[in-house]
Protein backbone atom coordinates (compact mmCIF):
# COMPACT_ATOMS: atom_id res chain seq x y z
CA MET A 1 18.22 -4.32 10.19
CA LEU A 2 14.48 -3.66 9.91
CA ALA A 3 15.01 -1.61 6.75
CA GLN A 4 17.10 -4.39 5.20
CA PHE A 5 14.43 -6.96 6.11
CA ILE A 6 11.70 -4.89 4.42
CA VAL A 7 13.89 -4.45 1.33
CA GLY A 8 14.04 -8.25 1.04
CA LEU A 9 10.26 -8.57 1.46
CA ASN A 10 9.68 -5.89 -1.17
CA ALA A 11 11.92 -7.72 -3.62
CA ALA A 12 9.76 -10.85 -3.27
CA ALA A 13 6.53 -8.82 -3.43
CA ASN A 14 7.70 -7.01 -6.59
CA ALA A 15 8.60 -10.31 -8.25
CA LEU A 16 5.06 -11.59 -7.63
CA GLY A 17 3.27 -8.30 -8.09
CA ARG A 18 4.60 -7.52 -11.57
CA PRO A 19 3.00 -10.53 -13.34
CA LEU A 20 -0.04 -10.92 -11.08
CA LEU A 21 -1.10 -7.26 -11.29
CA ALA A 22 -0.22 -6.79 -14.96
CA PRO A 23 -3.93 -7.12 -16.00
CA VAL A 24 -4.64 -3.89 -14.06
CA ALA A 25 -3.08 -2.01 -16.99
CA VAL A 26 -5.78 -3.19 -19.44
CA LEU A 27 -8.92 -3.54 -17.26
CA PRO A 28 -11.26 -0.74 -16.18
CA GLY A 29 -10.24 0.60 -12.78
CA TRP A 30 -13.43 -0.43 -10.96
CA LEU A 31 -13.23 -3.97 -12.38
CA SER A 32 -9.58 -4.57 -11.53
CA ALA A 33 -10.03 -3.11 -8.04
CA THR A 34 -13.06 -5.36 -7.43
CA ILE A 35 -11.31 -8.51 -8.68
CA VAL A 36 -8.17 -7.82 -6.64
CA ALA A 37 -10.16 -7.08 -3.48
CA THR A 38 -12.30 -10.22 -3.89
CA VAL A 39 -9.32 -12.51 -4.47
CA THR A 40 -7.30 -11.08 -1.58
CA GLY A 41 -10.35 -11.26 0.70
CA VAL A 42 -10.74 -14.97 -0.01
CA LEU A 43 -7.00 -15.64 0.37
CA LEU A 44 -6.90 -13.83 3.71
CA LEU A 45 -9.95 -15.84 4.81
CA VAL A 46 -8.02 -19.05 4.08
CA VAL A 47 -5.05 -17.71 6.05
CA PHE A 48 -7.40 -16.93 8.95
CA LYS A 49 -8.77 -20.45 8.85
CA TYR A 50 -5.40 -22.15 9.19
CA THR A 51 -3.86 -19.74 11.69
CA SER A 52 -6.79 -19.53 14.12
CA ASN A 53 -8.29 -21.96 16.63
CA GLN A 54 -11.43 -22.83 14.68
CA ARG A 55 -12.83 -25.17 17.34
CA ALA A 56 -12.55 -22.54 20.05
CA ILE A 57 -14.13 -19.90 17.81
CA LYS A 58 -17.03 -22.26 17.03
CA ARG A 59 -17.63 -22.90 20.74
CA VAL A 60 -17.69 -19.18 21.46
CA ARG A 61 -20.03 -18.59 18.52
CA ASP A 62 -22.39 -21.28 19.82
CA ASP A 63 -22.36 -19.69 23.28
CA ILE A 64 -23.16 -16.30 21.78
CA ASP A 65 -26.07 -17.75 19.79
CA ALA A 66 -27.39 -19.39 22.97
CA HIS A 67 -27.25 -16.12 24.92
CA VAL A 68 -28.96 -14.24 22.06
CA LEU A 69 -31.74 -16.84 22.16
CA ALA A 70 -32.00 -16.42 25.94
CA LEU A 71 -32.49 -12.68 25.48
CA LYS A 72 -35.40 -13.34 23.14
CA LEU A 73 -37.04 -16.05 25.28
CA PHE A 74 -36.61 -14.43 28.69
CA LYS A 75 -36.83 -10.74 27.81
CA ASP A 76 -39.25 -10.19 30.73
CA SER A 77 -36.66 -11.42 33.25
CA ALA A 78 -34.25 -8.68 34.24
CA SER A 79 -31.74 -11.06 35.87
CA VAL A 80 -31.60 -13.39 32.87
CA THR A 81 -31.30 -10.44 30.49
CA LEU A 82 -28.42 -8.88 32.42
CA ARG A 83 -26.65 -12.22 32.74
CA ALA A 84 -27.03 -12.91 29.01
CA GLN A 85 -25.76 -9.45 28.07
CA GLY A 86 -22.73 -9.91 30.29
CA ARG A 87 -21.97 -13.26 28.68
CA LEU A 88 -22.40 -11.74 25.21
CA LEU A 89 -19.80 -9.12 26.09
CA HIS A 90 -17.51 -11.82 27.45
CA GLY A 91 -17.97 -13.85 24.26
CA ALA A 92 -17.08 -10.85 22.10
CA CYS A 93 -13.88 -10.34 24.10
CA ARG A 94 -12.99 -14.02 23.68
CA LEU A 95 -13.49 -13.76 19.91
CA PHE A 96 -11.18 -10.76 19.85
CA VAL A 97 -8.49 -12.64 21.76
CA LEU A 98 -8.81 -15.65 19.45
CA ALA A 99 -8.39 -13.36 16.42
CA ILE A 100 -5.13 -11.78 17.63
CA VAL A 101 -2.82 -14.50 16.31
CA PRO A 102 -4.24 -14.63 12.74
CA ILE A 103 -4.31 -10.83 12.61
CA LEU A 104 -0.63 -10.67 13.56
CA VAL A 105 0.15 -13.29 10.91
CA MET A 106 -1.73 -11.33 8.24
CA ILE A 107 -0.26 -7.89 9.01
CA VAL A 108 2.90 -8.40 6.94
CA PRO A 109 1.26 -9.83 3.78
CA VAL A 110 -1.51 -7.21 3.92
CA CYS A 111 1.06 -4.39 4.09
CA LEU A 112 2.93 -5.89 1.14
CA ILE A 113 -0.29 -6.27 -0.87
CA LEU A 114 -1.34 -2.68 -0.18
CA GLY A 115 2.12 -1.45 -1.16
CA GLN A 116 1.83 -3.21 -4.52
CA LEU A 117 -1.71 -1.95 -5.13
CA ALA A 118 -0.66 1.62 -4.31
CA LEU A 119 1.72 1.52 -7.27
CA TRP A 120 -1.32 1.25 -9.55
CA TYR A 121 -4.09 3.16 -7.77
CA GLN A 122 -2.60 5.81 -5.49
CA PHE A 123 -1.42 8.13 -8.27
CA ARG A 124 -1.80 8.30 -12.03
CA PRO A 125 1.03 8.78 -14.53
CA LEU A 126 1.76 12.13 -16.10
CA GLY A 127 -0.23 12.85 -19.22
CA VAL A 128 1.54 14.07 -22.31
CA GLY A 129 1.81 17.85 -21.97
CA GLU A 130 1.39 17.84 -18.18
CA GLU A 131 3.93 19.38 -15.86
CA ALA A 132 5.36 18.01 -12.61
CA VAL A 133 7.93 18.89 -9.99
CA ILE A 134 10.85 16.54 -9.35
CA THR A 135 12.58 16.91 -5.98
CA LEU A 136 15.95 15.39 -5.14
CA ALA A 137 16.82 15.49 -1.41
CA LEU A 138 20.41 15.23 -0.21
CA ASN A 139 21.64 13.64 3.00
CA GLU A 140 22.31 16.11 5.78
CA ASP A 141 25.54 14.51 7.02
CA ARG A 142 27.42 15.36 3.83
CA ALA A 143 29.12 18.61 2.87
CA PRO A 144 27.37 21.69 4.27
CA GLU A 145 27.01 23.17 0.79
CA VAL A 146 24.53 21.67 -1.63
CA PRO A 147 26.64 20.11 -4.41
CA ASP A 148 25.94 20.66 -8.07
CA VAL A 149 23.14 18.34 -9.15
CA ILE A 150 22.37 17.75 -12.82
CA LEU A 151 19.32 16.13 -14.41
CA ARG A 152 20.60 14.55 -17.59
CA PRO A 153 18.54 15.03 -20.77
CA CYS A 154 15.73 12.50 -21.26
CA GLY A 155 13.65 11.96 -24.36
CA GLY A 156 10.40 11.70 -22.42
CA ILE A 157 10.51 15.09 -20.70
CA GLU A 158 11.44 18.71 -21.25
CA THR A 159 12.97 20.68 -18.38
CA LEU A 160 11.14 23.98 -17.99
CA VAL A 161 12.68 25.28 -14.76
CA GLY A 162 15.65 24.13 -12.73
CA PRO A 163 17.71 23.08 -11.07
CA VAL A 164 16.42 25.21 -8.18
CA ARG A 165 18.49 24.76 -5.02
CA VAL A 166 16.73 24.95 -1.63
CA GLN A 167 19.69 25.31 0.72
CA SER A 168 17.72 25.12 3.98
CA GLN A 169 16.07 21.81 3.00
CA ARG A 170 19.07 20.45 1.11
CA GLU A 171 16.85 19.87 -1.91
CA VAL A 172 17.15 20.46 -5.64
CA CYS A 173 13.99 20.83 -7.72
CA TRP A 174 13.04 20.80 -11.41
CA ASN A 175 9.79 21.62 -13.17
CA VAL A 176 9.42 19.30 -16.16
CA LYS A 177 6.89 18.71 -18.92
CA ALA A 178 5.96 15.27 -20.25
CA LYS A 179 6.55 14.80 -23.99
CA ALA A 180 5.91 11.13 -24.87
CA SER A 181 4.20 8.11 -23.28
CA GLY A 182 6.20 5.30 -21.69
CA TYR A 183 8.47 4.44 -18.80
CA TYR A 184 11.67 6.46 -18.56
CA CYS A 185 14.79 6.24 -16.43
CA LEU A 186 15.79 9.66 -15.15
CA GLU A 187 19.50 10.04 -14.37
CA PHE A 188 20.84 12.56 -11.86
CA GLN A 189 24.46 13.48 -11.26
CA ALA A 190 25.00 14.59 -7.64
CA GLY A 191 28.70 15.31 -7.25
CA LEU A 192 30.45 12.03 -8.00
CA GLN A 193 27.31 9.91 -7.56
CA THR A 194 24.79 8.93 -10.22
CA ALA A 195 21.20 8.31 -9.12
CA VAL A 196 18.27 7.03 -11.18
CA LYS A 197 14.49 7.33 -10.81
CA GLU A 198 11.65 5.80 -12.85
CA LEU A 199 9.15 8.12 -14.54
CA ALA A 200 5.76 7.00 -15.94
CA ILE A 201 3.97 8.96 -18.69
CA GLY A 202 0.69 7.85 -20.23
CA ASP A 203 -3.11 7.98 -20.17
CA ASP A 204 -4.00 4.48 -18.95
CA PHE A 205 -3.27 2.60 -15.74
CA MET A 206 0.49 2.30 -15.26
CA ARG A 207 2.70 1.30 -12.39
CA VAL A 208 3.65 4.59 -10.71
CA SER A 209 6.47 4.86 -8.18
CA ARG A 210 6.18 8.31 -6.64
CA LEU A 211 9.21 8.12 -4.37
CA ARG A 212 12.55 6.41 -4.42
CA PRO A 213 12.87 6.37 -0.64
CA ALA A 214 15.52 7.05 1.93
CA TRP A 215 16.92 4.28 4.13
CA HIS A 216 13.99 4.28 6.57
CA TRP A 217 11.73 1.28 7.12
CA SER A 218 8.39 3.14 6.86
CA ASP A 219 9.36 4.92 3.62
CA ILE A 220 10.61 1.63 2.17
CA LEU A 221 7.37 -0.16 3.13
CA LEU A 222 5.16 2.52 1.57
CA ASN A 223 7.28 2.82 -1.59
CA PRO A 224 8.26 -0.75 -2.44
CA TYR A 225 9.15 -0.68 -6.12
CA GLU A 226 12.48 1.16 -6.32
CA LYS A 227 15.52 0.35 -4.21
CA PRO A 228 16.05 2.81 -1.35
CA PHE A 229 19.16 4.94 -1.10
CA ARG A 230 21.70 3.59 1.36
CA PRO A 231 22.60 5.70 4.41
CA GLU A 232 26.06 6.47 3.00
CA SER A 233 24.60 7.79 -0.26
CA ALA A 234 24.84 11.52 -1.02
CA VAL A 235 21.21 11.38 -2.25
CA ARG A 236 18.53 10.77 0.37
CA SER A 237 15.45 10.46 -1.85
CA ILE A 238 13.93 11.43 -5.21
CA GLU A 239 10.24 12.30 -5.51
CA ILE A 240 8.00 13.02 -8.50
CA ASP A 241 4.84 15.03 -7.89
CA TYR A 242 2.40 12.79 -9.76
CA PRO A 243 -1.26 13.88 -10.13
CA ARG A 244 -3.96 12.38 -7.94
CA ARG A 245 -6.27 9.81 -9.55
CA ALA A 246 -9.97 10.74 -9.36
CA SER A 247 -12.12 7.64 -8.74
CA TRP A 248 -14.22 6.24 -5.89
CA THR A 249 -13.07 2.68 -6.55
CA SER A 250 -9.51 3.05 -7.85
CA GLY A 251 -8.53 6.62 -7.04
CA THR A 252 -6.10 8.26 -4.67
CA ASP A 253 -6.72 7.16 -1.04
CA SER A 254 -10.31 5.99 -1.74
CA TRP A 255 -9.05 2.75 -3.28
CA VAL A 256 -7.92 1.60 0.18
CA VAL A 257 -11.45 1.95 1.58
CA TYR A 258 -12.93 0.19 -1.45
CA TRP A 259 -10.41 -2.64 -1.16
CA PHE A 260 -11.16 -3.10 2.54
CA VAL A 261 -14.95 -3.11 2.11
CA VAL A 262 -15.01 -5.46 -0.89
CA SER A 263 -12.48 -7.87 0.64
CA MET A 264 -14.54 -8.04 3.86
CA ILE A 265 -17.74 -8.71 1.87
CA ALA A 266 -15.97 -11.40 -0.16
CA ALA A 267 -14.68 -13.06 3.00
CA LEU A 268 -18.15 -13.08 4.56
CA CYS A 269 -19.70 -14.49 1.37
CA PHE A 270 -17.20 -17.33 1.08
CA ARG A 271 -16.83 -18.22 4.76
CA ARG A 272 -19.61 -20.87 4.70
CA MET A 273 -18.32 -22.40 1.48
CA LEU A 274 -14.81 -22.64 2.92
CA LYS A 275 -16.16 -23.65 6.35
CA VAL A 276 -14.42 -20.88 8.26
CA ASN A 277 -15.60 -19.71 11.68
CA VAL A 278 -14.95 -16.02 12.26
């Protein structure tokens, strides 16, 4: 049930993400990453405003400011200093408690946003002339023998090696070479079943789906673009070994840190304009 729920959320996120993130393909990586992080930071700030108890947060903030002032005015008094420090700690705990509800509300949209951004920043497409490994994994509850699996000819790639059968892992692998830029639909014949997987080849920013996932909620959440294989399918998953993208702002893994930092800065910069207590 959880997997089916996430599939539905991904369908909505993909419908919004395709047009909204289309400019990423034509903008420099640092610029698109900065714009996306700033916009999402402001949007999440608005969500925080309307899902949190702003009056209670303001009261706690005022109490904290008063205790900070007491520390400065009565720094020679040990009792006042200890009492003020204790109340500062209590105020920080109260702020944390007041932030729990908006954080829980934002978890789902943040996960969906990160899943869509990962399609553009986590990996880069294959360049023309580059090689990659494609791995098709079969479900374990099927026939004990690995069935014949065929990768049908595709104009965008040339098969160099394969299919290589890994019996112990129930996997079939191919080593392929990219021939022409564009999006391609790879077709696999596994016994009586036909499975497809998207392949991206090019030099610029392109939407890259590394894995067509198995029917597991975490894999579906992390790989939102392509429909997962159902539990009764002979194929469990199909993965393409895309290259890592080298960039501090829009490269593999580092883009998440950059997004988090810039979105936090944007939220702090706009909080007074939007009159949000955090």
